Amino acid sequence: MSSEKTVTEVARDLGVSPEGLRGWVEQAKVDRGEGPAGALTTAEREELVRLRRKVREQEATIDVRGKATAFFAQDKMR
């Protein structure tokens, strides 16, 4: 960010794609609070991934419990 080199030059020096480096630079700006309104920081993205995973796990648990309840309710009726 403080280099006089272009993104393409720095990317070449680091052995990464210019597009990837630009993405990292933009994400660094967001993480410092300098990004566009509504952009998620890295920490917020990680939390979102964790919470979505937790919701999927809880939905699966609820589904299994519902099926088990239905199974045992049918068994009682016999």
Protein backbone atom coordinates (compact mmCIF):
# COMPACT_ATOMS: atom_id res chain seq x y z
CA MET A 1 0.00 0.00 0.00
CA SER A 2 2.91 2.31 0.68
CA SER A 3 4.95 1.14 -2.29
CA GLU A 4 5.50 3.25 -5.34
CA LYS A 5 5.00 0.12 -7.45
CA THR A 6 1.79 -0.70 -9.26
CA VAL A 7 -0.44 -3.54 -8.09
CA THR A 8 0.67 -5.57 -11.11
CA GLU A 9 4.35 -5.11 -10.23
CA VAL A 10 3.83 -6.05 -6.59
CA ALA A 11 1.72 -9.05 -7.59
CA ARG A 12 4.48 -10.22 -9.93
CA ASP A 13 7.06 -9.80 -7.11
CA LEU A 14 4.86 -11.84 -4.75
CA GLY A 15 3.98 -14.47 -7.34
CA VAL A 16 0.22 -13.89 -7.10
CA SER A 17 -2.35 -12.69 -9.60
CA PRO A 18 -3.00 -8.94 -9.81
CA GLU A 19 -6.74 -9.61 -9.37
CA GLY A 20 -6.08 -11.57 -6.18
CA LEU A 21 -3.83 -8.86 -4.80
CA ARG A 22 -6.43 -6.20 -5.61
CA GLY A 23 -8.98 -8.25 -3.69
CA TRP A 24 -6.66 -8.46 -0.70
CA VAL A 25 -6.04 -4.71 -0.81
CA GLU A 26 -9.77 -3.97 -0.97
CA GLN A 27 -10.47 -6.36 1.92
CA ALA A 28 -7.71 -4.72 3.97
CA LYS A 29 -9.42 -1.36 3.41
CA VAL A 30 -12.73 -2.81 4.59
CA ASP A 31 -11.05 -4.31 7.67
CA ARG A 32 -9.64 -0.87 8.51
CA GLY A 33 -13.09 0.70 8.17
CA GLU A 34 -12.27 2.39 4.87
CA GLY A 35 -14.46 0.25 2.62
CA PRO A 36 -17.89 0.91 1.14
CA ALA A 37 -20.91 1.03 3.41
CA GLY A 38 -22.23 -2.42 4.22
CA ALA A 39 -19.03 -4.27 3.27
CA LEU A 40 -18.22 -7.09 5.67
CA THR A 41 -14.91 -7.22 7.48
CA THR A 42 -12.93 -10.45 7.50
CA ALA A 43 -14.04 -11.12 11.08
CA GLU A 44 -17.68 -10.54 10.12
CA ARG A 45 -17.35 -12.89 7.14
CA GLU A 46 -15.84 -15.58 9.36
CA GLU A 47 -18.64 -15.15 11.91
CA LEU A 48 -21.25 -15.33 9.15
CA VAL A 49 -19.76 -18.60 7.89
CA ARG A 50 -19.71 -19.99 11.44
CA LEU A 51 -23.29 -18.96 12.12
CA ARG A 52 -24.59 -20.34 8.82
CA ARG A 53 -22.88 -23.67 9.60
CA LYS A 54 -24.48 -23.68 13.06
CA VAL A 55 -27.93 -22.98 11.59
CA ARG A 56 -27.51 -25.90 9.12
CA GLU A 57 -26.52 -28.20 11.98
CA GLN A 58 -29.48 -27.10 14.08
CA GLU A 59 -31.88 -27.51 11.16
CA ALA A 60 -30.54 -31.04 10.64
CA THR A 61 -31.03 -31.82 14.33
CA ILE A 62 -34.59 -30.50 14.23
CA ASP A 63 -35.30 -32.58 11.12
CA VAL A 64 -33.97 -35.77 12.75
CA ARG A 65 -35.95 -35.12 15.92
CA GLY A 66 -39.11 -34.52 13.91
CA LYS A 67 -38.65 -37.78 12.01
CA ALA A 68 -37.92 -39.66 15.23
CA THR A 69 -41.02 -38.22 16.86
CA ALA A 70 -43.15 -39.25 13.87
CA PHE A 71 -41.61 -42.74 13.86
CA PHE A 72 -42.23 -43.34 17.55
CA ALA A 73 -45.74 -41.85 17.34
CA GLN A 74 -46.61 -44.37 14.59
CA ASP A 75 -45.07 -47.18 16.63
CA LYS A 76 -47.27 -46.29 19.63
CA MET A 77 -50.42 -46.40 17.48
CA ARG A 78 -49.78 -50.03 16.51
